Protein backbone atom coordinates (compact mmCIF):
# COMPACT_ATOMS: atom_id res chain seq x y z
CA MET A 1 -8.77 -12.02 -13.33
CA GLN A 2 -6.87 -12.42 -9.54
CA GLN A 3 -10.59 -12.17 -7.88
CA LYS A 4 -11.27 -15.45 -9.17
CA LYS A 5 -7.84 -16.93 -7.34
CA TYR A 6 -8.59 -15.57 -4.41
CA PHE A 7 -11.79 -17.34 -4.11
CA ILE A 8 -10.64 -20.28 -5.66
CA LEU A 9 -8.06 -20.50 -3.16
CA LEU A 10 -9.70 -19.06 -0.04
CA PRO A 11 -11.72 -22.16 1.14
CA PRO A 12 -9.30 -24.69 1.60
CA PHE A 13 -7.45 -22.25 3.62
CA VAL A 14 -10.37 -20.89 5.86
CA ILE A 15 -10.66 -24.84 6.81
CA PHE A 16 -7.22 -25.46 7.39
CA GLY A 17 -7.28 -22.52 9.47
CA LEU A 18 -10.36 -23.82 12.12
CA ILE A 19 -8.71 -27.04 11.65
CA LEU A 20 -5.95 -25.75 13.62
CA LEU A 21 -7.88 -23.14 15.90
CA PHE A 22 -9.78 -26.02 17.08
CA THR A 23 -7.25 -29.49 17.04
CA LEU A 24 -4.45 -27.27 18.88
CA PRO A 25 -3.53 -27.04 22.81
CA LYS A 26 -3.99 -23.53 23.77
CA GLN A 27 -0.12 -23.21 24.34
CA HIS A 28 0.67 -23.38 20.21
CA LEU A 29 -2.70 -22.01 19.10
CA THR A 30 -0.12 -19.14 17.58
CA TYR A 31 0.24 -21.26 15.03
CA VAL A 32 -3.23 -21.01 14.14
CA PHE A 33 -1.30 -17.76 11.77
CA VAL A 34 -0.18 -19.66 9.52
CA ALA A 35 -2.52 -20.19 7.70
CA PRO A 36 -3.23 -16.93 5.89
CA ILE A 37 0.44 -16.13 5.93
CA ILE A 38 0.95 -19.72 3.44
CA PHE A 39 -2.72 -18.26 1.75
CA TRP A 40 -1.06 -15.02 1.04
CA ILE A 41 2.09 -16.54 -0.32
CA VAL A 42 0.88 -18.71 -2.73
CA TYR A 43 -1.62 -15.86 -3.95
CA TYR A 44 1.20 -13.65 -4.69
CA SER A 45 3.36 -16.23 -5.68
CA TRP A 46 0.22 -17.33 -8.20
CA ILE A 47 -0.07 -14.21 -9.59
CA VAL A 48 3.84 -13.59 -10.11
CA VAL A 49 3.90 -16.46 -12.50
CA GLU A 50 1.41 -16.35 -14.07
CA LYS A 51 2.24 -12.72 -15.52
CA LYS A 52 5.82 -13.46 -16.51
CA ARG A 53 3.81 -16.44 -18.11
CA THR A 54 1.87 -14.07 -20.42
């Protein structure tokens, strides 16, 4: 049920990305891409850990 994990993780990371987008100065806007990268790392790590557990 990976879709459930996806929708559990998505809202906090979207909010985090938007906060970064609107609060970071222009010279640091590339750091906004950190949010999706961390999202995918957490998502796939969660799937791997769950598969190892079963």
